[in-house]
Amino acid sequence: MDKLSRQIIKELESSPNCTRMFYVDEEPFSNIATRPYISAAIKYLTDIGYLDEIIRNGRVVGIKLSHKCLHRKYFAWVSIKSFLLRSILTPILVSFFTTLITLLLTVLL
């Protein structure tokens, strides 16, 4: 995640209810960057599931932090555990059981 995305999340975390309404703040996050950069960062954060759009009458009127963003350390830890299990522990277990089977077959034959 880039610096701008982290700044947007940090500012949303400090706002009431972790929400930013566009009709209240005409230029959201204008103190951080210009509008095209902010729009791109908001779209990126929405695409990866860190932001939810607040929709009224078919229009996006605001954004809020999603559950995934509010608990991103937990989700990162789950991802790391899954990676470690798949890429390190599984090959070790397969190796162990293959060796065990080989030893048993050599003893029986």
PDB file of N, CA and C in Angstrom:
ATOM      1  N   MET A   1       0.855  -1.170   0.000  1.00  0.00           N
ATOM      2  CA  MET A   1       0.000   0.000   0.000  1.00  0.00           C
ATOM      3  C   MET A   1       0.903   1.236   0.000  1.00  0.00           C
ATOM      4  N   ASP A   2       0.540   2.209  -0.792  1.00  0.00           N
ATOM      5  CA  ASP A   2       1.375   3.401  -0.920  1.00  0.00           C
ATOM      6  C   ASP A   2       1.096   4.419   0.187  1.00  0.00           C
ATOM      7  N   LYS A   3       1.914   5.447   0.223  1.00  0.00           N
ATOM      8  CA  LYS A   3       1.847   6.458   1.279  1.00  0.00           C
ATOM      9  C   LYS A   3       0.504   7.198   1.272  1.00  0.00           C
ATOM     10  N   LEU A   4       0.003   7.539   0.094  1.00  0.00           N
ATOM     11  CA  LEU A   4      -1.257   8.271  -0.003  1.00  0.00           C
ATOM     12  C   LEU A   4      -2.415   7.452   0.553  1.00  0.00           C
ATOM     13  N   SER A   5      -2.444   6.178   0.235  1.00  0.00           N
ATOM     14  CA  SER A   5      -3.509   5.306   0.756  1.00  0.00           C
ATOM     15  C   SER A   5      -3.453   5.224   2.277  1.00  0.00           C
ATOM     16  N   ARG A   6      -2.241   5.108   2.816  1.00  0.00           N
ATOM     17  CA  ARG A   6      -2.096   5.068   4.282  1.00  0.00           C
ATOM     18  C   ARG A   6      -2.551   6.377   4.921  1.00  0.00           C
ATOM     19  N   GLN A   7      -2.265   7.512   4.268  1.00  0.00           N
ATOM     20  CA  GLN A   7      -2.699   8.807   4.799  1.00  0.00           C
ATOM     21  C   GLN A   7      -4.220   8.919   4.791  1.00  0.00           C
ATOM     22  N   ILE A   8      -4.853   8.445   3.736  1.00  0.00           N
ATOM     23  CA  ILE A   8      -6.321   8.483   3.658  1.00  0.00           C
ATOM     24  C   ILE A   8      -6.918   7.622   4.768  1.00  0.00           C
ATOM     25  N   ILE A   9      -6.377   6.428   4.954  1.00  0.00           N
ATOM     26  CA  ILE A   9      -6.878   5.545   6.014  1.00  0.00           C
ATOM     27  C   ILE A   9      -6.675   6.188   7.379  1.00  0.00           C
ATOM     28  N   LYS A  10      -5.515   6.773   7.602  1.00  0.00           N
ATOM     29  CA  LYS A  10      -5.228   7.416   8.892  1.00  0.00           C
ATOM     30  C   LYS A  10      -6.210   8.560   9.161  1.00  0.00           C
ATOM     31  N   GLU A  11      -6.488   9.353   8.127  1.00  0.00           N
ATOM     32  CA  GLU A  11      -7.428  10.457   8.308  1.00  0.00           C
ATOM     33  C   GLU A  11      -8.849   9.949   8.540  1.00  0.00           C
ATOM     34  N   LEU A  12      -9.232   8.882   7.858  1.00  0.00           N
ATOM     35  CA  LEU A  12     -10.557   8.306   8.088  1.00  0.00           C
ATOM     36  C   LEU A  12     -10.672   7.709   9.483  1.00  0.00           C
ATOM     37  N   GLU A  13      -9.592   7.109   9.977  1.00  0.00           N
ATOM     38  CA  GLU A  13      -9.612   6.545  11.328  1.00  0.00           C
ATOM     39  C   GLU A  13      -9.820   7.628  12.382  1.00  0.00           C
ATOM     40  N   SER A  14      -9.346   8.829  12.096  1.00  0.00           N
ATOM     41  CA  SER A  14      -9.489   9.910  13.075  1.00  0.00           C
ATOM     42  C   SER A  14     -10.817  10.654  12.947  1.00  0.00           C
ATOM     43  N   SER A  15     -11.584  10.377  11.903  1.00  0.00           N
ATOM     44  CA  SER A  15     -12.868  11.058  11.734  1.00  0.00           C
ATOM     45  C   SER A  15     -13.969  10.307  12.476  1.00  0.00           C
ATOM     46  N   PRO A  16     -15.074  10.994  12.789  1.00  0.00           N
ATOM     47  CA  PRO A  16     -16.167  10.334  13.509  1.00  0.00           C
ATOM     48  C   PRO A  16     -16.738   9.164  12.707  1.00  0.00           C
ATOM     49  N   ASN A  17     -16.935   8.053  13.363  1.00  0.00           N
ATOM     50  CA  ASN A  17     -17.485   6.833  12.759  1.00  0.00           C
ATOM     51  C   ASN A  17     -16.649   6.314  11.591  1.00  0.00           C
ATOM     52  N   CYS A  18     -15.403   6.737  11.487  1.00  0.00           N
ATOM     53  CA  CYS A  18     -14.507   6.325  10.395  1.00  0.00           C
ATOM     54  C   CYS A  18     -15.168   6.541   9.036  1.00  0.00           C
ATOM     55  N   THR A  19     -15.848   7.679   8.895  1.00  0.00           N
ATOM     56  CA  THR A  19     -16.636   7.977   7.702  1.00  0.00           C
ATOM     57  C   THR A  19     -16.302   9.368   7.185  1.00  0.00           C
ATOM     58  N   ARG A  20     -16.373   9.535   5.877  1.00  0.00           N
ATOM     59  CA  ARG A  20     -16.218  10.854   5.258  1.00  0.00           C
ATOM     60  C   ARG A  20     -17.345  11.009   4.253  1.00  0.00           C
ATOM     61  N   MET A  21     -18.183  12.028   4.468  1.00  0.00           N
ATOM     62  CA  MET A  21     -19.299  12.304   3.567  1.00  0.00           C
ATOM     63  C   MET A  21     -18.882  13.393   2.583  1.00  0.00           C
ATOM     64  N   PHE A  22     -19.138  13.177   1.308  1.00  0.00           N
ATOM     65  CA  PHE A  22     -18.695  14.114   0.283  1.00  0.00           C
ATOM     66  C   PHE A  22     -19.513  15.389   0.254  1.00  0.00           C
ATOM     67  N   TYR A  23     -20.798  15.314   0.624  1.00  0.00           N
ATOM     68  CA  TYR A  23     -21.596  16.533   0.580  1.00  0.00           C
ATOM     69  C   TYR A  23     -21.265  17.469   1.731  1.00  0.00           C
ATOM     70  N   VAL A  24     -20.638  16.975   2.773  1.00  0.00           N
ATOM     71  CA  VAL A  24     -20.197  17.836   3.876  1.00  0.00           C
ATOM     72  C   VAL A  24     -18.851  18.460   3.528  1.00  0.00           C
ATOM     73  N   ASP A  25     -17.962  17.645   3.014  1.00  0.00           N
ATOM     74  CA  ASP A  25     -16.616  18.089   2.665  1.00  0.00           C
ATOM     75  C   ASP A  25     -16.504  18.055   1.143  1.00  0.00           C
ATOM     76  N   GLU A  26     -16.621  19.208   0.508  1.00  0.00           N
ATOM     77  CA  GLU A  26     -16.645  19.275  -0.959  1.00  0.00           C
ATOM     78  C   GLU A  26     -15.378  18.727  -1.596  1.00  0.00           C
ATOM     79  N   GLU A  27     -14.248  18.992  -1.043  1.00  0.00           N
ATOM     80  CA  GLU A  27     -12.974  18.478  -1.548  1.00  0.00           C
ATOM     81  C   GLU A  27     -12.358  17.584  -0.470  1.00  0.00           C
ATOM     82  N   PRO A  28     -12.754  16.318  -0.420  1.00  0.00           N
ATOM     83  CA  PRO A  28     -12.233  15.453   0.629  1.00  0.00           C
ATOM     84  C   PRO A  28     -10.732  15.215   0.477  1.00  0.00           C
ATOM     85  N   PHE A  29     -10.036  15.266   1.581  1.00  0.00           N
ATOM     86  CA  PHE A  29      -8.602  15.006   1.648  1.00  0.00           C
ATOM     87  C   PHE A  29      -7.778  15.976   0.812  1.00  0.00           C
ATOM     88  N   SER A  30      -8.274  17.198   0.613  1.00  0.00           N
ATOM     89  CA  SER A  30      -7.538  18.177  -0.204  1.00  0.00           C
ATOM     90  C   SER A  30      -6.235  18.605   0.469  1.00  0.00           C
ATOM     91  N   ASN A  31      -6.129  18.375   1.775  1.00  0.00           N
ATOM     92  CA  ASN A  31      -4.886  18.707   2.472  1.00  0.00           C
ATOM     93  C   ASN A  31      -3.788  17.664   2.242  1.00  0.00           C
ATOM     94  N   ILE A  32      -4.151  16.536   1.648  1.00  0.00           N
ATOM     95  CA  ILE A  32      -3.183  15.461   1.410  1.00  0.00           C
ATOM     96  C   ILE A  32      -2.627  15.514  -0.009  1.00  0.00           C
ATOM     97  N   ALA A  33      -3.525  15.607  -1.000  1.00  0.00           N
ATOM     98  CA  ALA A  33      -3.100  15.577  -2.409  1.00  0.00           C
ATOM     99  C   ALA A  33      -4.194  16.181  -3.277  1.00  0.00           C
ATOM    100  N   THR A  34      -3.932  16.252  -4.569  1.00  0.00           N
ATOM    101  CA  THR A  34      -4.917  16.804  -5.496  1.00  0.00           C
ATOM    102  C   THR A  34      -6.005  15.774  -5.800  1.00  0.00           C
ATOM    103  N   ARG A  35      -7.101  16.257  -6.350  1.00  0.00           N
ATOM    104  CA  ARG A  35      -8.280  15.425  -6.572  1.00  0.00           C
ATOM    105  C   ARG A  35      -8.024  14.164  -7.409  1.00  0.00           C
ATOM    106  N   PRO A  36      -7.294  14.222  -8.529  1.00  0.00           N
ATOM    107  CA  PRO A  36      -7.096  12.976  -9.297  1.00  0.00           C
ATOM    108  C   PRO A  36      -6.361  11.890  -8.505  1.00  0.00           C
ATOM    109  N   TYR A  37      -5.377  12.297  -7.720  1.00  0.00           N
ATOM    110  CA  TYR A  37      -4.642  11.318  -6.912  1.00  0.00           C
ATOM    111  C   TYR A  37      -5.529  10.733  -5.815  1.00  0.00           C
ATOM    112  N   ILE A  38      -6.326  11.592  -5.200  1.00  0.00           N
ATOM    113  CA  ILE A  38      -7.244  11.128  -4.154  1.00  0.00           C
ATOM    114  C   ILE A  38      -8.263  10.168  -4.739  1.00  0.00           C
ATOM    115  N   SER A  39      -8.836  10.511  -5.895  1.00  0.00           N
ATOM    116  CA  SER A  39      -9.826   9.637  -6.537  1.00  0.00           C
ATOM    117  C   SER A  39      -9.231   8.278  -6.868  1.00  0.00           C
ATOM    118  N   ALA A  40      -8.023   8.277  -7.392  1.00  0.00           N
ATOM    119  CA  ALA A  40      -7.359   7.010  -7.731  1.00  0.00           C
ATOM    120  C   ALA A  40      -7.085   6.179  -6.476  1.00  0.00           C
ATOM    121  N   ALA A  41      -6.639   6.828  -5.414  1.00  0.00           N
ATOM    122  CA  ALA A  41      -6.351   6.109  -4.165  1.00  0.00           C
ATOM    123  C   ALA A  41      -7.638   5.550  -3.558  1.00  0.00           C
ATOM    124  N   ILE A  42      -8.720   6.320  -3.599  1.00  0.00           N
ATOM    125  CA  ILE A  42     -10.001   5.848  -3.066  1.00  0.00           C
ATOM    126  C   ILE A  42     -10.494   4.663  -3.881  1.00  0.00           C
ATOM    127  N   LYS A  43     -10.366   4.721  -5.197  1.00  0.00           N
ATOM    128  CA  LYS A  43     -10.778   3.598  -6.043  1.00  0.00           C
ATOM    129  C   LYS A  43      -9.946   2.363  -5.724  1.00  0.00           C
ATOM    130  N   TYR A  44      -8.633   2.535  -5.557  1.00  0.00           N
ATOM    131  CA  TYR A  44      -7.760   1.413  -5.219  1.00  0.00           C
ATOM    132  C   TYR A  44      -8.171   0.789  -3.883  1.00  0.00           C
ATOM    133  N   LEU A  45      -8.383   1.640  -2.878  1.00  0.00           N
ATOM    134  CA  LEU A  45      -8.758   1.134  -1.555  1.00  0.00           C
ATOM    135  C   LEU A  45     -10.127   0.455  -1.580  1.00  0.00           C
ATOM    136  N   THR A  46     -11.029   0.939  -2.418  1.00  0.00           N
ATOM    137  CA  THR A  46     -12.337   0.310  -2.566  1.00  0.00           C
ATOM    138  C   THR A  46     -12.188  -1.042  -3.259  1.00  0.00           C
ATOM    139  N   ASP A  47     -11.352  -1.096  -4.282  1.00  0.00           N
ATOM    140  CA  ASP A  47     -11.148  -2.346  -5.023  1.00  0.00           C
ATOM    141  C   ASP A  47     -10.550  -3.445  -4.156  1.00  0.00           C
ATOM    142  N   ILE A  48      -9.642  -3.093  -3.245  1.00  0.00           N
ATOM    143  CA  ILE A  48      -9.034  -4.131  -2.392  1.00  0.00           C
ATOM    144  C   ILE A  48      -9.854  -4.402  -1.135  1.00  0.00           C
ATOM    145  N   GLY A  49     -10.977  -3.699  -0.995  1.00  0.00           N
ATOM    146  CA  GLY A  49     -11.895  -3.986   0.109  1.00  0.00           C
ATOM    147  C   GLY A  49     -11.625  -3.225   1.387  1.00  0.00           C
ATOM    148  N   TYR A  50     -10.811  -2.181   1.346  1.00  0.00           N
ATOM    149  CA  TYR A  50     -10.517  -1.409   2.548  1.00  0.00           C
ATOM    150  C   TYR A  50     -11.520  -0.287   2.781  1.00  0.00           C
ATOM    151  N   LEU A  51     -12.225   0.127   1.741  1.00  0.00           N
ATOM    152  CA  LEU A  51     -13.235   1.172   1.876  1.00  0.00           C
ATOM    153  C   LEU A  51     -14.564   0.666   1.340  1.00  0.00           C
ATOM    154  N   ASP A  52     -15.635   1.120   1.966  1.00  0.00           N
ATOM    155  CA  ASP A  52     -16.987   0.871   1.474  1.00  0.00           C
ATOM    156  C   ASP A  52     -17.587   2.202   1.059  1.00  0.00           C
ATOM    157  N   GLU A  53     -18.339   2.184  -0.033  1.00  0.00           N
ATOM    158  CA  GLU A  53     -19.005   3.400  -0.483  1.00  0.00           C
ATOM    159  C   GLU A  53     -20.354   3.531   0.218  1.00  0.00           C
ATOM    160  N   ILE A  54     -20.706   4.748   0.569  1.00  0.00           N
ATOM    161  CA  ILE A  54     -22.022   5.040   1.134  1.00  0.00           C
ATOM    162  C   ILE A  54     -22.868   5.568  -0.016  1.00  0.00           C
ATOM    163  N   ILE A  55     -23.930   4.842  -0.344  1.00  0.00           N
ATOM    164  CA  ILE A  55     -24.752   5.184  -1.504  1.00  0.00           C
ATOM    165  C   ILE A  55     -26.137   5.615  -1.042  1.00  0.00           C
ATOM    166  N   ARG A  56     -26.577   6.767  -1.530  1.00  0.00           N
ATOM    167  CA  ARG A  56     -27.925   7.288  -1.264  1.00  0.00           C
ATOM    168  C   ARG A  56     -28.540   7.673  -2.612  1.00  0.00           C
ATOM    169  N   ASN A  57     -29.723   7.164  -2.889  1.00  0.00           N
ATOM    170  CA  ASN A  57     -30.439   7.477  -4.131  1.00  0.00           C
ATOM    171  C   ASN A  57     -29.583   7.202  -5.365  1.00  0.00           C
ATOM    172  N   GLY A  58     -28.829   6.146  -5.342  1.00  0.00           N
ATOM    173  CA  GLY A  58     -28.026   5.760  -6.485  1.00  0.00           C
ATOM    174  C   GLY A  58     -26.726   6.525  -6.673  1.00  0.00           C
ATOM    175  N   ARG A  59     -26.414   7.426  -5.757  1.00  0.00           N
ATOM    176  CA  ARG A  59     -25.172   8.209  -5.861  1.00  0.00           C
ATOM    177  C   ARG A  59     -24.260   7.901  -4.681  1.00  0.00           C
ATOM    178  N   VAL A  60     -22.972   7.929  -4.949  1.00  0.00           N
ATOM    179  CA  VAL A  60     -21.990   7.750  -3.878  1.00  0.00           C
ATOM    180  C   VAL A  60     -21.875   9.082  -3.147  1.00  0.00           C
ATOM    181  N   VAL A  61     -22.223   9.082  -1.865  1.00  0.00           N
ATOM    182  CA  VAL A  61     -22.188  10.324  -1.087  1.00  0.00           C
ATOM    183  C   VAL A  61     -21.090  10.320  -0.035  1.00  0.00           C
ATOM    184  N   GLY A  62     -20.416   9.187   0.116  1.00  0.00           N
ATOM    185  CA  GLY A  62     -19.352   9.139   1.110  1.00  0.00           C
ATOM    186  C   GLY A  62     -18.628   7.809   1.083  1.00  0.00           C
ATOM    187  N   ILE A  63     -17.632   7.708   1.953  1.00  0.00           N
ATOM    188  CA  ILE A  63     -16.865   6.478   2.099  1.00  0.00           C
ATOM    189  C   ILE A  63     -16.680   6.194   3.585  1.00  0.00           C
ATOM    190  N   LYS A  64     -16.487   4.930   3.884  1.00  0.00           N
ATOM    191  CA  LYS A  64     -16.207   4.543   5.266  1.00  0.00           C
ATOM    192  C   LYS A  64     -15.248   3.369   5.256  1.00  0.00           C
ATOM    193  N   LEU A  65     -14.532   3.208   6.337  1.00  0.00           N
ATOM    194  CA  LEU A  65     -13.596   2.094   6.466  1.00  0.00           C
ATOM    195  C   LEU A  65     -14.366   0.788   6.591  1.00  0.00           C
ATOM    196  N   SER A  66     -13.909  -0.230   5.902  1.00  0.00           N
ATOM    197  CA  SER A  66     -14.557  -1.537   5.971  1.00  0.00           C
ATOM    198  C   SER A  66     -14.008  -2.333   7.151  1.00  0.00           C
ATOM    199  N   HIS A  67     -14.619  -3.456   7.397  1.00  0.00           N
ATOM    200  CA  HIS A  67     -14.175  -4.354   8.463  1.00  0.00           C
ATOM    201  C   HIS A  67     -12.744  -4.824   8.188  1.00  0.00           C
ATOM    202  N   LYS A  68     -12.458  -5.097   6.925  1.00  0.00           N
ATOM    203  CA  LYS A  68     -11.119  -5.555   6.544  1.00  0.00           C
ATOM    204  C   LYS A  68     -10.062  -4.510   6.861  1.00  0.00           C
ATOM    205  N   CYS A  69     -10.382  -3.248   6.687  1.00  0.00           N
ATOM    206  CA  CYS A  69      -9.419  -2.182   6.972  1.00  0.00           C
ATOM    207  C   CYS A  69      -9.279  -1.943   8.474  1.00  0.00           C
ATOM    208  N   LEU A  70     -10.395  -1.987   9.177  1.00  0.00           N
ATOM    209  CA  LEU A  70     -10.345  -1.753  10.617  1.00  0.00           C
ATOM    210  C   LEU A  70      -9.550  -2.839  11.342  1.00  0.00           C
ATOM    211  N   HIS A  71      -9.513  -4.032  10.770  1.00  0.00           N
ATOM    212  CA  HIS A  71      -8.803  -5.158  11.387  1.00  0.00           C
ATOM    213  C   HIS A  71      -7.723  -5.682  10.450  1.00  0.00           C
ATOM    214  N   ARG A  72      -6.998  -4.779   9.786  1.00  0.00           N
ATOM    215  CA  ARG A  72      -6.026  -5.190   8.774  1.00  0.00           C
ATOM    216  C   ARG A  72      -4.852  -5.966   9.356  1.00  0.00           C
ATOM    217  N   LYS A  73      -4.469  -5.729  10.600  1.00  0.00           N
ATOM    218  CA  LYS A  73      -3.360  -6.492  11.196  1.00  0.00           C
ATOM    219  C   LYS A  73      -3.749  -7.961  11.363  1.00  0.00           C
ATOM    220  N   TYR A  74      -4.973  -8.192  11.784  1.00  0.00           N
ATOM    221  CA  TYR A  74      -5.453  -9.566  11.929  1.00  0.00           C
ATOM    222  C   TYR A  74      -5.472 -10.275  10.577  1.00  0.00           C
ATOM    223  N   PHE A  75      -6.015  -9.614   9.555  1.00  0.00           N
ATOM    224  CA  PHE A  75      -6.089 -10.225   8.234  1.00  0.00           C
ATOM    225  C   PHE A  75      -4.696 -10.453   7.648  1.00  0.00           C
ATOM    226  N   ALA A  76      -3.760  -9.564   7.931  1.00  0.00           N
ATOM    227  CA  ALA A  76      -2.376  -9.763   7.479  1.00  0.00           C
ATOM    228  C   ALA A  76      -1.775 -10.982   8.174  1.00  0.00           C
ATOM    229  N   TRP A  77      -2.042 -11.142   9.465  1.00  0.00           N
ATOM    230  CA  TRP A  77      -1.533 -12.282  10.213  1.00  0.00           C
ATOM    231  C   TRP A  77      -2.112 -13.586   9.670  1.00  0.00           C
ATOM    232  N   VAL A  78      -3.403 -13.606   9.358  1.00  0.00           N
ATOM    233  CA  VAL A  78      -4.026 -14.803   8.788  1.00  0.00           C
ATOM    234  C   VAL A  78      -3.391 -15.140   7.446  1.00  0.00           C
ATOM    235  N   SER A  79      -3.121 -14.135   6.650  1.00  0.00           N
ATOM    236  CA  SER A  79      -2.484 -14.344   5.351  1.00  0.00           C
ATOM    237  C   SER A  79      -1.071 -14.902   5.509  1.00  0.00           C
ATOM    238  N   ILE A  80      -0.318 -14.376   6.455  1.00  0.00           N
ATOM    239  CA  ILE A  80       1.045 -14.858   6.709  1.00  0.00           C
ATOM    240  C   ILE A  80       1.015 -16.304   7.200  1.00  0.00           C
ATOM    241  N   LYS A  81       0.090 -16.613   8.103  1.00  0.00           N
ATOM    242  CA  LYS A  81      -0.024 -17.992   8.599  1.00  0.00           C
ATOM    243  C   LYS A  81      -0.358 -18.957   7.467  1.00  0.00           C
ATOM    244  N   SER A  82      -1.262 -18.546   6.607  1.00  0.00           N
ATOM    245  CA  SER A  82      -1.642 -19.388   5.479  1.00  0.00           C
ATOM    246  C   SER A  82      -0.456 -19.626   4.551  1.00  0.00           C
ATOM    247  N   PHE A  83       0.298 -18.573   4.277  1.00  0.00           N
ATOM    248  CA  PHE A  83       1.486 -18.699   3.430  1.00  0.00           C
ATOM    249  C   PHE A  83       2.498 -19.653   4.051  1.00  0.00           C
ATOM    250  N   LEU A  84       2.762 -19.473   5.344  1.00  0.00           N
ATOM    251  CA  LEU A  84       3.732 -20.335   6.015  1.00  0.00           C
ATOM    252  C   LEU A  84       3.282 -21.787   6.002  1.00  0.00           C
ATOM    253  N   LEU A  85       2.011 -22.010   6.219  1.00  0.00           N
ATOM    254  CA  LEU A  85       1.490 -23.367   6.218  1.00  0.00           C
ATOM    255  C   LEU A  85       1.637 -24.003   4.842  1.00  0.00           C
ATOM    256  N   ARG A  86       1.267 -23.261   3.806  1.00  0.00           N
ATOM    257  CA  ARG A  86       1.316 -23.810   2.448  1.00  0.00           C
ATOM    258  C   ARG A  86       2.736 -23.992   1.931  1.00  0.00           C
ATOM    259  N   SER A  87       3.618 -23.057   2.201  1.00  0.00           N
ATOM    260  CA  SER A  87       4.920 -23.104   1.550  1.00  0.00           C
ATOM    261  C   SER A  87       6.036 -23.707   2.400  1.00  0.00           C
ATOM    262  N   ILE A  88       5.853 -23.817   3.681  1.00  0.00           N
ATOM    263  CA  ILE A  88       6.924 -24.352   4.524  1.00  0.00           C
ATOM    264  C   ILE A  88       6.494 -25.637   5.234  1.00  0.00           C
ATOM    265  N   LEU A  89       5.398 -25.578   5.953  1.00  0.00           N
ATOM    266  CA  LEU A  89       4.989 -26.726   6.763  1.00  0.00           C
ATOM    267  C   LEU A  89       4.525 -27.907   5.918  1.00  0.00           C
ATOM    268  N   THR A  90       3.780 -27.656   4.858  1.00  0.00           N
ATOM    269  CA  THR A  90       3.296 -28.749   4.011  1.00  0.00           C
ATOM    270  C   THR A  90       4.437 -29.545   3.381  1.00  0.00           C
ATOM    271  N   PRO A  91       5.439 -28.915   2.761  1.00  0.00           N
ATOM    272  CA  PRO A  91       6.550 -29.716   2.220  1.00  0.00           C
ATOM    273  C   PRO A  91       7.313 -30.502   3.297  1.00  0.00           C
ATOM    274  N   ILE A  92       7.441 -29.945   4.488  1.00  0.00           N
ATOM    275  CA  ILE A  92       8.127 -30.656   5.572  1.00  0.00           C
ATOM    276  C   ILE A  92       7.346 -31.912   5.954  1.00  0.00           C
ATOM    277  N   LEU A  93       6.024 -31.763   6.077  1.00  0.00           N
ATOM    278  CA  LEU A  93       5.192 -32.923   6.435  1.00  0.00           C
ATOM    279  C   LEU A  93       5.203 -33.972   5.333  1.00  0.00           C
ATOM    280  N   VAL A  94       5.123 -33.554   4.091  1.00  0.00           N
ATOM    281  CA  VAL A  94       5.171 -34.510   2.980  1.00  0.00           C
ATOM    282  C   VAL A  94       6.508 -35.248   2.991  1.00  0.00           C
ATOM    283  N   SER A  95       7.574 -34.547   3.205  1.00  0.00           N
ATOM    284  CA  SER A  95       8.909 -35.158   3.277  1.00  0.00           C
ATOM    285  C   SER A  95       8.994 -36.171   4.417  1.00  0.00           C
ATOM    286  N   PHE A  96       8.488 -35.775   5.563  1.00  0.00           N
ATOM    287  CA  PHE A  96       8.519 -36.642   6.738  1.00  0.00           C
ATOM    288  C   PHE A  96       7.765 -37.939   6.467  1.00  0.00           C
ATOM    289  N   PHE A  97       6.540 -37.829   5.966  1.00  0.00           N
ATOM    290  CA  PHE A  97       5.744 -39.034   5.737  1.00  0.00           C
ATOM    291  C   PHE A  97       6.298 -39.878   4.592  1.00  0.00           C
ATOM    292  N   THR A  98       6.874 -39.254   3.598  1.00  0.00           N
ATOM    293  CA  THR A  98       7.510 -40.015   2.519  1.00  0.00           C
ATOM    294  C   THR A  98       8.688 -40.810   3.055  1.00  0.00           C
ATOM    295  N   THR A  99       9.492 -40.192   3.895  1.00  0.00           N
ATOM    296  CA  THR A  99      10.628 -40.879   4.514  1.00  0.00           C
ATOM    297  C   THR A  99      10.150 -42.011   5.411  1.00  0.00           C
ATOM    298  N   LEU A 100       9.106 -41.751   6.168  1.00  0.00           N
ATOM    299  CA  LEU A 100       8.556 -42.776   7.059  1.00  0.00           C
ATOM    300  C   LEU A 100       8.048 -43.968   6.261  1.00  0.00           C
ATOM    301  N   ILE A 101       7.334 -43.730   5.199  1.00  0.00           N
ATOM    302  CA  ILE A 101       6.825 -44.819   4.354  1.00  0.00           C
ATOM    303  C   ILE A 101       7.984 -45.593   3.724  1.00  0.00           C
ATOM    304  N   THR A 102       8.997 -44.886   3.271  1.00  0.00           N
ATOM    305  CA  THR A 102      10.167 -45.534   2.668  1.00  0.00           C
ATOM    306  C   THR A 102      10.875 -46.429   3.683  1.00  0.00           C
ATOM    307  N   LEU A 103      11.042 -45.933   4.899  1.00  0.00           N
ATOM    308  CA  LEU A 103      11.682 -46.745   5.951  1.00  0.00           C
ATOM    309  C   LEU A 103      10.853 -47.974   6.296  1.00  0.00           C
ATOM    310  N   LEU A 104       9.549 -47.829   6.367  1.00  0.00           N
ATOM    311  CA  LEU A 104       8.688 -48.963   6.665  1.00  0.00           C
ATOM    312  C   LEU A 104       8.752 -50.011   5.549  1.00  0.00           C
ATOM    313  N   LEU A 105       8.781 -49.540   4.316  1.00  0.00           N
ATOM    314  CA  LEU A 105       8.847 -50.499   3.200  1.00  0.00           C
ATOM    315  C   LEU A 105      10.188 -51.224   3.157  1.00  0.00           C
ATOM    316  N   THR A 106      11.274 -50.538   3.487  1.00  0.00           N
ATOM    317  CA  THR A 106      12.578 -51.210   3.491  1.00  0.00           C
ATOM    318  C   THR A 106      12.685 -52.227   4.613  1.00  0.00           C
ATOM    319  N   VAL A 107      12.030 -51.962   5.733  1.00  0.00           N
ATOM    320  CA  VAL A 107      12.063 -52.908   6.845  1.00  0.00           C
ATOM    321  C   VAL A 107      11.220 -54.132   6.506  1.00  0.00           C
ATOM    322  N   LEU A 108      10.099 -53.945   5.857  1.00  0.00           N
ATOM    323  CA  LEU A 108       9.216 -55.052   5.500  1.00  0.00           C
ATOM    324  C   LEU A 108       9.758 -55.884   4.352  1.00  0.00           C
ATOM    325  N   LEU A 109      10.544 -55.289   3.498  1.00  0.00           N
ATOM    326  CA  LEU A 109      11.063 -56.056   2.349  1.00  0.00           C
ATOM    327  C   LEU A 109      12.392 -56.581   2.657  1.00  0.00           C
TER     328      LEU A 109
END
